[in-house]
Amino acid sequence: MTLYIAREASKACFFFLYLFLFFHSLLLLSLFSLLF
């Protein structure tokens, strides 16, 4: 049971990390488009 919870938690962690990187790249792209 604990292994299942750990697996789900790691999945959620990777999902949030992916979302964070996605929004971060969008922010950088918008900043670059403003600069150039």
Protein backbone atom coordinates (compact mmCIF):
# COMPACT_ATOMS: atom_id res chain seq x y z
CA MET A 1 0.00 0.00 0.00
CA THR A 2 2.79 2.43 0.89
CA LEU A 3 4.56 1.59 -2.37
CA TYR A 4 1.39 2.48 -4.29
CA ILE A 5 1.08 5.80 -2.45
CA ALA A 6 4.76 6.57 -3.12
CA ARG A 7 4.28 5.80 -6.81
CA GLU A 8 1.23 8.06 -7.04
CA ALA A 9 3.04 10.82 -5.16
CA SER A 10 6.02 10.64 -7.52
CA LYS A 11 3.63 10.75 -10.49
CA ALA A 12 1.98 13.90 -9.10
CA CYS A 13 5.40 15.38 -8.37
CA PHE A 14 6.54 14.85 -11.96
CA PHE A 15 3.24 16.28 -13.21
CA PHE A 16 3.66 19.47 -11.19
CA LEU A 17 7.30 19.73 -12.25
CA TYR A 18 6.22 19.43 -15.89
CA LEU A 19 3.58 22.12 -15.42
CA PHE A 20 6.10 24.40 -13.71
CA LEU A 21 8.63 23.96 -16.53
CA PHE A 22 5.91 24.50 -19.13
CA PHE A 23 4.75 27.80 -17.61
CA HIS A 24 8.37 28.85 -17.05
CA SER A 25 9.18 28.32 -20.73
CA LEU A 26 6.04 30.23 -21.73
CA LEU A 27 7.09 33.12 -19.51
CA LEU A 28 10.59 33.11 -21.01
CA LEU A 29 9.17 33.02 -24.53
CA SER A 30 6.90 35.99 -23.85
CA LEU A 31 9.82 37.91 -22.34
CA PHE A 32 11.96 37.21 -25.38
CA SER A 33 9.18 38.25 -27.73
CA LEU A 34 8.91 41.53 -25.81
CA LEU A 35 12.66 42.11 -26.04
CA PHE A 36 12.98 41.41 -29.77
